[in-house]
Amino acid sequence: MASNTPEISYVACFTEDDGVYACGHLHPSVREAMNCLVPNGGSFIRAHDAGTFRSLTNREFIDFLESLEQMPWSWRSRAQGGALSVPAAESAE
């Protein structure tokens, strides 16, 4: 039986002086696409849904925010001893 759920994948995008570019990979999750981000302020994640690119939904954006602290370039992952420098529960307040 065929699934009615459309295939959604994610790409890391970045801006340059002459346009917007993608990483060239179709990642299965927001978290996986974040591995292609360059943390310079000009990178972002887009969803590839039914053949077109779109902004992230609220749920996908929450996945993005929850994955930030796991990125090797995140200030949260650089805390001494490997622990988070600010517990996740405190950061939401």
PDB file of N, CA and C in Angstrom:
ATOM      1  N   MET A   1       0.850  -1.169   0.000  1.00  0.00           N
ATOM      2  CA  MET A   1       0.000   0.000   0.000  1.00  0.00           C
ATOM      3  C   MET A   1       0.897   1.234   0.000  1.00  0.00           C
ATOM      4  N   ALA A   2       0.614   2.192  -0.858  1.00  0.00           N
ATOM      5  CA  ALA A   2       1.404   3.416  -0.953  1.00  0.00           C
ATOM      6  C   ALA A   2       1.029   4.363   0.177  1.00  0.00           C
ATOM      7  N   SER A   3       2.026   5.073   0.654  1.00  0.00           N
ATOM      8  CA  SER A   3       1.807   6.036   1.722  1.00  0.00           C
ATOM      9  C   SER A   3       1.308   7.361   1.147  1.00  0.00           C
ATOM     10  N   ASN A   4       0.377   7.993   1.832  1.00  0.00           N
ATOM     11  CA  ASN A   4      -0.125   9.300   1.419  1.00  0.00           C
ATOM     12  C   ASN A   4       0.725  10.437   1.973  1.00  0.00           C
ATOM     13  N   THR A   5       1.680  10.121   2.819  1.00  0.00           N
ATOM     14  CA  THR A   5       2.542  11.126   3.409  1.00  0.00           C
ATOM     15  C   THR A   5       3.606  11.541   2.402  1.00  0.00           C
ATOM     16  N   PRO A   6       3.673  12.835   2.077  1.00  0.00           N
ATOM     17  CA  PRO A   6       4.689  13.267   1.116  1.00  0.00           C
ATOM     18  C   PRO A   6       6.091  13.162   1.713  1.00  0.00           C
ATOM     19  N   GLU A   7       7.043  12.934   0.838  1.00  0.00           N
ATOM     20  CA  GLU A   7       8.443  12.861   1.250  1.00  0.00           C
ATOM     21  C   GLU A   7       8.937  14.272   1.542  1.00  0.00           C
ATOM     22  N   ILE A   8       9.382  14.509   2.754  1.00  0.00           N
ATOM     23  CA  ILE A   8       9.926  15.810   3.137  1.00  0.00           C
ATOM     24  C   ILE A   8      11.385  15.614   3.499  1.00  0.00           C
ATOM     25  N   SER A   9      12.232  16.460   2.966  1.00  0.00           N
ATOM     26  CA  SER A   9      13.640  16.451   3.326  1.00  0.00           C
ATOM     27  C   SER A   9      14.058  17.888   3.603  1.00  0.00           C
ATOM     28  N   TYR A  10      15.293  18.064   4.050  1.00  0.00           N
ATOM     29  CA  TYR A  10      15.756  19.368   4.506  1.00  0.00           C
ATOM     30  C   TYR A  10      17.121  19.673   3.910  1.00  0.00           C
ATOM     31  N   VAL A  11      17.357  20.944   3.651  1.00  0.00           N
ATOM     32  CA  VAL A  11      18.641  21.388   3.108  1.00  0.00           C
ATOM     33  C   VAL A  11      19.151  22.564   3.922  1.00  0.00           C
ATOM     34  N   ALA A  12      20.468  22.649   4.033  1.00  0.00           N
ATOM     35  CA  ALA A  12      21.106  23.817   4.628  1.00  0.00           C
ATOM     36  C   ALA A  12      21.347  24.809   3.504  1.00  0.00           C
ATOM     37  N   CYS A  13      20.953  26.040   3.710  1.00  0.00           N
ATOM     38  CA  CYS A  13      21.136  27.092   2.711  1.00  0.00           C
ATOM     39  C   CYS A  13      22.048  28.169   3.284  1.00  0.00           C
ATOM     40  N   PHE A  14      22.647  28.925   2.413  1.00  0.00           N
ATOM     41  CA  PHE A  14      23.494  30.037   2.839  1.00  0.00           C
ATOM     42  C   PHE A  14      23.425  31.143   1.806  1.00  0.00           C
ATOM     43  N   THR A  15      23.710  32.353   2.248  1.00  0.00           N
ATOM     44  CA  THR A  15      23.668  33.498   1.356  1.00  0.00           C
ATOM     45  C   THR A  15      25.075  33.935   0.989  1.00  0.00           C
ATOM     46  N   GLU A  16      25.205  34.392  -0.220  1.00  0.00           N
ATOM     47  CA  GLU A  16      26.428  35.013  -0.727  1.00  0.00           C
ATOM     48  C   GLU A  16      26.009  36.332  -1.372  1.00  0.00           C
ATOM     49  N   ASP A  17      26.973  37.126  -1.784  1.00  0.00           N
ATOM     50  CA  ASP A  17      26.654  38.407  -2.403  1.00  0.00           C
ATOM     51  C   ASP A  17      25.783  38.272  -3.640  1.00  0.00           C
ATOM     52  N   ASP A  18      25.915  37.177  -4.350  1.00  0.00           N
ATOM     53  CA  ASP A  18      25.191  37.016  -5.610  1.00  0.00           C
ATOM     54  C   ASP A  18      23.985  36.076  -5.536  1.00  0.00           C
ATOM     55  N   GLY A  19      23.566  35.662  -4.337  1.00  0.00           N
ATOM     56  CA  GLY A  19      22.376  34.831  -4.256  1.00  0.00           C
ATOM     57  C   GLY A  19      22.320  33.914  -3.052  1.00  0.00           C
ATOM     58  N   VAL A  20      21.354  33.014  -3.112  1.00  0.00           N
ATOM     59  CA  VAL A  20      21.135  32.019  -2.057  1.00  0.00           C
ATOM     60  C   VAL A  20      21.492  30.654  -2.629  1.00  0.00           C
ATOM     61  N   TYR A  21      22.234  29.878  -1.868  1.00  0.00           N
ATOM     62  CA  TYR A  21      22.700  28.564  -2.312  1.00  0.00           C
ATOM     63  C   TYR A  21      22.314  27.507  -1.286  1.00  0.00           C
ATOM     64  N   ALA A  22      22.234  26.243  -1.726  1.00  0.00           N
ATOM     65  CA  ALA A  22      21.937  25.112  -0.855  1.00  0.00           C
ATOM     66  C   ALA A  22      23.153  24.203  -0.770  1.00  0.00           C
ATOM     67  N   CYS A  23      23.183  23.370   0.251  1.00  0.00           N
ATOM     68  CA  CYS A  23      24.316  22.467   0.466  1.00  0.00           C
ATOM     69  C   CYS A  23      24.400  21.373  -0.593  1.00  0.00           C
ATOM     70  N   GLY A  24      23.297  21.104  -1.277  1.00  0.00           N
ATOM     71  CA  GLY A  24      23.300  20.077  -2.318  1.00  0.00           C
ATOM     72  C   GLY A  24      22.886  18.695  -1.833  1.00  0.00           C
ATOM     73  N   HIS A  25      22.558  18.577  -0.547  1.00  0.00           N
ATOM     74  CA  HIS A  25      22.123  17.298   0.018  1.00  0.00           C
ATOM     75  C   HIS A  25      20.655  17.400   0.401  1.00  0.00           C
ATOM     76  N   LEU A  26      19.920  16.317   0.288  1.00  0.00           N
ATOM     77  CA  LEU A  26      18.565  16.243   0.821  1.00  0.00           C
ATOM     78  C   LEU A  26      18.630  15.403   2.094  1.00  0.00           C
ATOM     79  N   HIS A  27      18.583  16.069   3.240  1.00  0.00           N
ATOM     80  CA  HIS A  27      18.726  15.414   4.538  1.00  0.00           C
ATOM     81  C   HIS A  27      17.369  14.918   5.038  1.00  0.00           C
ATOM     82  N   PRO A  28      17.330  13.785   5.726  1.00  0.00           N
ATOM     83  CA  PRO A  28      16.064  13.227   6.202  1.00  0.00           C
ATOM     84  C   PRO A  28      15.459  13.961   7.403  1.00  0.00           C
ATOM     85  N   SER A  29      16.248  14.798   8.078  1.00  0.00           N
ATOM     86  CA  SER A  29      15.741  15.506   9.259  1.00  0.00           C
ATOM     87  C   SER A  29      16.386  16.878   9.360  1.00  0.00           C
ATOM     88  N   VAL A  30      15.745  17.744  10.131  1.00  0.00           N
ATOM     89  CA  VAL A  30      16.300  19.072  10.398  1.00  0.00           C
ATOM     90  C   VAL A  30      17.664  18.925  11.053  1.00  0.00           C
ATOM     91  N   ARG A  31      17.757  18.032  12.027  1.00  0.00           N
ATOM     92  CA  ARG A  31      19.011  17.813  12.765  1.00  0.00           C
ATOM     93  C   ARG A  31      20.145  17.420  11.820  1.00  0.00           C
ATOM     94  N   GLU A  32      19.882  16.530  10.884  1.00  0.00           N
ATOM     95  CA  GLU A  32      20.919  16.103   9.939  1.00  0.00           C
ATOM     96  C   GLU A  32      21.338  17.247   9.031  1.00  0.00           C
ATOM     97  N   ALA A  33      20.393  18.065   8.585  1.00  0.00           N
ATOM     98  CA  ALA A  33      20.710  19.211   7.730  1.00  0.00           C
ATOM     99  C   ALA A  33      21.590  20.222   8.460  1.00  0.00           C
ATOM    100  N   MET A  34      21.441  20.300   9.767  1.00  0.00           N
ATOM    101  CA  MET A  34      22.231  21.252  10.551  1.00  0.00           C
ATOM    102  C   MET A  34      23.721  20.934  10.509  1.00  0.00           C
ATOM    103  N   ASN A  35      24.084  19.701  10.179  1.00  0.00           N
ATOM    104  CA  ASN A  35      25.496  19.362  10.053  1.00  0.00           C
ATOM    105  C   ASN A  35      26.156  20.121   8.899  1.00  0.00           C
ATOM    106  N   CYS A  36      25.373  20.609   7.954  1.00  0.00           N
ATOM    107  CA  CYS A  36      25.905  21.379   6.822  1.00  0.00           C
ATOM    108  C   CYS A  36      25.879  22.887   7.070  1.00  0.00           C
ATOM    109  N   LEU A  37      25.312  23.329   8.189  1.00  0.00           N
ATOM    110  CA  LEU A  37      25.265  24.760   8.471  1.00  0.00           C
ATOM    111  C   LEU A  37      26.658  25.318   8.739  1.00  0.00           C
ATOM    112  N   VAL A  38      26.858  26.546   8.312  1.00  0.00           N
ATOM    113  CA  VAL A  38      28.060  27.296   8.663  1.00  0.00           C
ATOM    114  C   VAL A  38      27.584  28.369   9.641  1.00  0.00           C
ATOM    115  N   PRO A  39      28.063  28.349  10.879  1.00  0.00           N
ATOM    116  CA  PRO A  39      27.518  29.240  11.906  1.00  0.00           C
ATOM    117  C   PRO A  39      28.016  30.680  11.769  1.00  0.00           C
ATOM    118  N   ASN A  40      27.713  31.315  10.640  1.00  0.00           N
ATOM    119  CA  ASN A  40      28.181  32.674  10.420  1.00  0.00           C
ATOM    120  C   ASN A  40      27.045  33.683  10.363  1.00  0.00           C
ATOM    121  N   GLY A  41      25.831  33.243  10.611  1.00  0.00           N
ATOM    122  CA  GLY A  41      24.685  34.129  10.566  1.00  0.00           C
ATOM    123  C   GLY A  41      24.016  34.182   9.208  1.00  0.00           C
ATOM    124  N   GLY A  42      24.631  33.619   8.180  1.00  0.00           N
ATOM    125  CA  GLY A  42      24.047  33.639   6.847  1.00  0.00           C
ATOM    126  C   GLY A  42      23.521  32.292   6.413  1.00  0.00           C
ATOM    127  N   SER A  43      23.433  31.333   7.328  1.00  0.00           N
ATOM    128  CA  SER A  43      22.968  29.989   7.004  1.00  0.00           C
ATOM    129  C   SER A  43      21.603  29.745   7.629  1.00  0.00           C
ATOM    130  N   PHE A  44      20.812  28.909   6.968  1.00  0.00           N
ATOM    131  CA  PHE A  44      19.495  28.582   7.481  1.00  0.00           C
ATOM    132  C   PHE A  44      19.049  27.256   6.873  1.00  0.00           C
ATOM    133  N   ILE A  45      17.993  26.684   7.430  1.00  0.00           N
ATOM    134  CA  ILE A  45      17.458  25.396   6.969  1.00  0.00           C
ATOM    135  C   ILE A  45      16.129  25.640   6.267  1.00  0.00           C
ATOM    136  N   ARG A  46      15.938  24.961   5.127  1.00  0.00           N
ATOM    137  CA  ARG A  46      14.673  24.998   4.389  1.00  0.00           C
ATOM    138  C   ARG A  46      14.182  23.564   4.220  1.00  0.00           C
ATOM    139  N   ALA A  47      12.868  23.414   4.176  1.00  0.00           N
ATOM    140  CA  ALA A  47      12.267  22.108   3.917  1.00  0.00           C
ATOM    141  C   ALA A  47      12.062  21.958   2.418  1.00  0.00           C
ATOM    142  N   HIS A  48      12.257  20.733   1.915  1.00  0.00           N
ATOM    143  CA  HIS A  48      11.970  20.395   0.522  1.00  0.00           C
ATOM    144  C   HIS A  48      10.779  19.464   0.577  1.00  0.00           C
ATOM    145  N   ASP A  49       9.627  19.991   0.169  1.00  0.00           N
ATOM    146  CA  ASP A  49       8.354  19.300   0.357  1.00  0.00           C
ATOM    147  C   ASP A  49       7.591  19.293  -0.970  1.00  0.00           C
ATOM    148  N   ALA A  50       7.296  18.110  -1.488  1.00  0.00           N
ATOM    149  CA  ALA A  50       6.531  17.949  -2.729  1.00  0.00           C
ATOM    150  C   ALA A  50       7.168  18.717  -3.895  1.00  0.00           C
ATOM    151  N   GLY A  51       8.501  18.706  -3.952  1.00  0.00           N
ATOM    152  CA  GLY A  51       9.203  19.313  -5.070  1.00  0.00           C
ATOM    153  C   GLY A  51       9.482  20.796  -4.956  1.00  0.00           C
ATOM    154  N   THR A  52       9.077  21.421  -3.860  1.00  0.00           N
ATOM    155  CA  THR A  52       9.346  22.845  -3.674  1.00  0.00           C
ATOM    156  C   THR A  52       9.985  23.093  -2.318  1.00  0.00           C
ATOM    157  N   PHE A  53      10.712  24.195  -2.229  1.00  0.00           N
ATOM    158  CA  PHE A  53      11.312  24.595  -0.963  1.00  0.00           C
ATOM    159  C   PHE A  53      10.336  25.484  -0.208  1.00  0.00           C
ATOM    160  N   ARG A  54      10.334  25.336   1.113  1.00  0.00           N
ATOM    161  CA  ARG A  54       9.468  26.148   1.965  1.00  0.00           C
ATOM    162  C   ARG A  54      10.161  26.417   3.289  1.00  0.00           C
ATOM    163  N   SER A  55       9.633  27.378   4.022  1.00  0.00           N
ATOM    164  CA  SER A  55      10.131  27.646   5.373  1.00  0.00           C
ATOM    165  C   SER A  55       9.755  26.489   6.289  1.00  0.00           C
ATOM    166  N   LEU A  56      10.427  26.414   7.416  1.00  0.00           N
ATOM    167  CA  LEU A  56      10.123  25.377   8.397  1.00  0.00           C
ATOM    168  C   LEU A  56       8.787  25.657   9.074  1.00  0.00           C
ATOM    169  N   THR A  57       8.066  24.598   9.378  1.00  0.00           N
ATOM    170  CA  THR A  57       6.847  24.726  10.176  1.00  0.00           C
ATOM    171  C   THR A  57       7.252  25.011  11.618  1.00  0.00           C
ATOM    172  N   ASN A  58       6.277  25.320  12.458  1.00  0.00           N
ATOM    173  CA  ASN A  58       6.579  25.559  13.872  1.00  0.00           C
ATOM    174  C   ASN A  58       7.243  24.339  14.504  1.00  0.00           C
ATOM    175  N   ARG A  59       6.736  23.133  14.220  1.00  0.00           N
ATOM    176  CA  ARG A  59       7.314  21.905  14.789  1.00  0.00           C
ATOM    177  C   ARG A  59       8.747  21.704  14.295  1.00  0.00           C
ATOM    178  N   GLU A  60       8.994  21.935  13.016  1.00  0.00           N
ATOM    179  CA  GLU A  60      10.337  21.796  12.470  1.00  0.00           C
ATOM    180  C   GLU A  60      11.279  22.828  13.067  1.00  0.00           C
ATOM    181  N   PHE A  61      10.762  24.039  13.308  1.00  0.00           N
ATOM    182  CA  PHE A  61      11.595  25.077  13.920  1.00  0.00           C
ATOM    183  C   PHE A  61      11.951  24.706  15.356  1.00  0.00           C
ATOM    184  N   ILE A  62      11.028  24.096  16.064  1.00  0.00           N
ATOM    185  CA  ILE A  62      11.329  23.613  17.425  1.00  0.00           C
ATOM    186  C   ILE A  62      12.418  22.547  17.367  1.00  0.00           C
ATOM    187  N   ASP A  63      12.353  21.640  16.379  1.00  0.00           N
ATOM    188  CA  ASP A  63      13.416  20.644  16.191  1.00  0.00           C
ATOM    189  C   ASP A  63      14.756  21.339  15.969  1.00  0.00           C
ATOM    190  N   PHE A  64      14.758  22.401  15.167  1.00  0.00           N
ATOM    191  CA  PHE A  64      15.966  23.188  14.911  1.00  0.00           C
ATOM    192  C   PHE A  64      16.519  23.747  16.227  1.00  0.00           C
ATOM    193  N   LEU A  65      15.658  24.401  17.011  1.00  0.00           N
ATOM    194  CA  LEU A  65      16.102  25.007  18.268  1.00  0.00           C
ATOM    195  C   LEU A  65      16.621  23.961  19.252  1.00  0.00           C
ATOM    196  N   GLU A  66      15.931  22.818  19.335  1.00  0.00           N
ATOM    197  CA  GLU A  66      16.367  21.763  20.254  1.00  0.00           C
ATOM    198  C   GLU A  66      17.691  21.146  19.812  1.00  0.00           C
ATOM    199  N   SER A  67      17.996  21.173  18.526  1.00  0.00           N
ATOM    200  CA  SER A  67      19.240  20.600  18.014  1.00  0.00           C
ATOM    201  C   SER A  67      20.426  21.545  18.127  1.00  0.00           C
ATOM    202  N   LEU A  68      20.172  22.831  18.318  1.00  0.00           N
ATOM    203  CA  LEU A  68      21.264  23.810  18.361  1.00  0.00           C
ATOM    204  C   LEU A  68      22.335  23.471  19.388  1.00  0.00           C
ATOM    205  N   GLU A  69      21.904  23.089  20.579  1.00  0.00           N
ATOM    206  CA  GLU A  69      22.883  22.830  21.643  1.00  0.00           C
ATOM    207  C   GLU A  69      23.740  21.596  21.368  1.00  0.00           C
ATOM    208  N   GLN A  70      23.346  20.749  20.437  1.00  0.00           N
ATOM    209  CA  GLN A  70      24.120  19.550  20.110  1.00  0.00           C
ATOM    210  C   GLN A  70      25.168  19.802  19.022  1.00  0.00           C
ATOM    211  N   MET A  71      25.112  20.975  18.402  1.00  0.00           N
ATOM    212  CA  MET A  71      26.056  21.280  17.321  1.00  0.00           C
ATOM    213  C   MET A  71      27.458  21.510  17.889  1.00  0.00           C
ATOM    214  N   PRO A  72      28.479  20.986  17.240  1.00  0.00           N
ATOM    215  CA  PRO A  72      29.842  21.139  17.768  1.00  0.00           C
ATOM    216  C   PRO A  72      30.295  22.586  17.852  1.00  0.00           C
ATOM    217  N   TRP A  73      29.708  23.471  17.069  1.00  0.00           N
ATOM    218  CA  TRP A  73      30.078  24.879  17.093  1.00  0.00           C
ATOM    219  C   TRP A  73      29.259  25.693  18.075  1.00  0.00           C
ATOM    220  N   SER A  74      28.302  25.070  18.761  1.00  0.00           N
ATOM    221  CA  SER A  74      27.445  25.776  19.712  1.00  0.00           C
ATOM    222  C   SER A  74      28.206  26.086  21.000  1.00  0.00           C
ATOM    223  N   TRP A  75      27.996  27.282  21.527  1.00  0.00           N
ATOM    224  CA  TRP A  75      28.649  27.642  22.791  1.00  0.00           C
ATOM    225  C   TRP A  75      28.189  26.729  23.913  1.00  0.00           C
ATOM    226  N   ARG A  76      26.996  26.171  23.815  1.00  0.00           N
ATOM    227  CA  ARG A  76      26.493  25.268  24.846  1.00  0.00           C
ATOM    228  C   ARG A  76      27.260  23.943  24.877  1.00  0.00           C
ATOM    229  N   SER A  77      27.756  23.498  23.722  1.00  0.00           N
ATOM    230  CA  SER A  77      28.463  22.219  23.691  1.00  0.00           C
ATOM    231  C   SER A  77      29.925  22.374  24.102  1.00  0.00           C
ATOM    232  N   ARG A  78      30.383  23.586  24.293  1.00  0.00           N
ATOM    233  CA  ARG A  78      31.783  23.821  24.668  1.00  0.00           C
ATOM    234  C   ARG A  78      31.988  24.007  26.163  1.00  0.00           C
ATOM    235  N   ALA A  79      30.981  23.756  26.951  1.00  0.00           N
ATOM    236  CA  ALA A  79      31.113  23.916  28.393  1.00  0.00           C
ATOM    237  C   ALA A  79      32.188  22.975  28.924  1.00  0.00           C
ATOM    238  N   GLN A  80      32.854  23.427  29.943  1.00  0.00           N
ATOM    239  CA  GLN A  80      33.934  22.628  30.519  1.00  0.00           C
ATOM    240  C   GLN A  80      33.404  21.288  31.014  1.00  0.00           C
ATOM    241  N   GLY A  81      34.097  20.230  30.677  1.00  0.00           N
ATOM    242  CA  GLY A  81      33.723  18.892  31.119  1.00  0.00           C
ATOM    243  C   GLY A  81      32.617  18.264  30.292  1.00  0.00           C
ATOM    244  N   GLY A  82      32.207  18.920  29.210  1.00  0.00           N
ATOM    245  CA  GLY A  82      31.209  18.353  28.322  1.00  0.00           C
ATOM    246  C   GLY A  82      29.779  18.617  28.730  1.00  0.00           C
ATOM    247  N   ALA A  83      29.543  19.199  29.910  1.00  0.00           N
ATOM    248  CA  ALA A  83      28.179  19.496  30.334  1.00  0.00           C
ATOM    249  C   ALA A  83      27.749  20.834  29.728  1.00  0.00           C
ATOM    250  N   LEU A  84      26.434  21.028  29.625  1.00  0.00           N
ATOM    251  CA  LEU A  84      25.946  22.307  29.123  1.00  0.00           C
ATOM    252  C   LEU A  84      26.287  23.417  30.110  1.00  0.00           C
ATOM    253  N   SER A  85      26.662  24.576  29.585  1.00  0.00           N
ATOM    254  CA  SER A  85      26.997  25.686  30.470  1.00  0.00           C
ATOM    255  C   SER A  85      25.744  26.291  31.099  1.00  0.00           C
ATOM    256  N   VAL A  86      24.597  26.209  30.414  1.00  0.00           N
ATOM    257  CA  VAL A  86      23.314  26.646  30.960  1.00  0.00           C
ATOM    258  C   VAL A  86      22.336  25.513  30.698  1.00  0.00           C
ATOM    259  N   PRO A  87      21.751  24.964  31.754  1.00  0.00           N
ATOM    260  CA  PRO A  87      20.794  23.875  31.530  1.00  0.00           C
ATOM    261  C   PRO A  87      19.677  24.303  30.598  1.00  0.00           C
ATOM    262  N   ALA A  88      19.209  23.410  29.757  1.00  0.00           N
ATOM    263  CA  ALA A  88      18.186  23.717  28.756  1.00  0.00           C
ATOM    264  C   ALA A  88      16.920  24.260  29.396  1.00  0.00           C
ATOM    265  N   ALA A  89      16.541  23.760  30.586  1.00  0.00           N
ATOM    266  CA  ALA A  89      15.330  24.220  31.247  1.00  0.00           C
ATOM    267  C   ALA A  89      15.449  25.687  31.643  1.00  0.00           C
ATOM    268  N   GLU A  90      16.625  26.136  32.011  1.00  0.00           N
ATOM    269  CA  GLU A  90      16.821  27.538  32.399  1.00  0.00           C
ATOM    270  C   GLU A  90      16.792  28.463  31.192  1.00  0.00           C
ATOM    271  N   SER A  91      17.254  28.007  30.048  1.00  0.00           N
ATOM    272  CA  SER A  91      17.353  28.877  28.882  1.00  0.00           C
ATOM    273  C   SER A  91      15.973  29.283  28.355  1.00  0.00           C
ATOM    274  N   ALA A  92      14.938  28.511  28.626  1.00  0.00           N
ATOM    275  CA  ALA A  92      13.604  28.833  28.131  1.00  0.00           C
ATOM    276  C   ALA A  92      12.911  29.887  28.983  1.00  0.00           C
ATOM    277  N   GLU A  93      13.437  30.166  30.143  1.00  0.00           N
ATOM    278  CA  GLU A  93      12.770  31.119  31.046  1.00  0.00           C
ATOM    279  C   GLU A  93      13.165  32.528  30.748  1.00  0.00           C
TER     280      GLU A  93
END
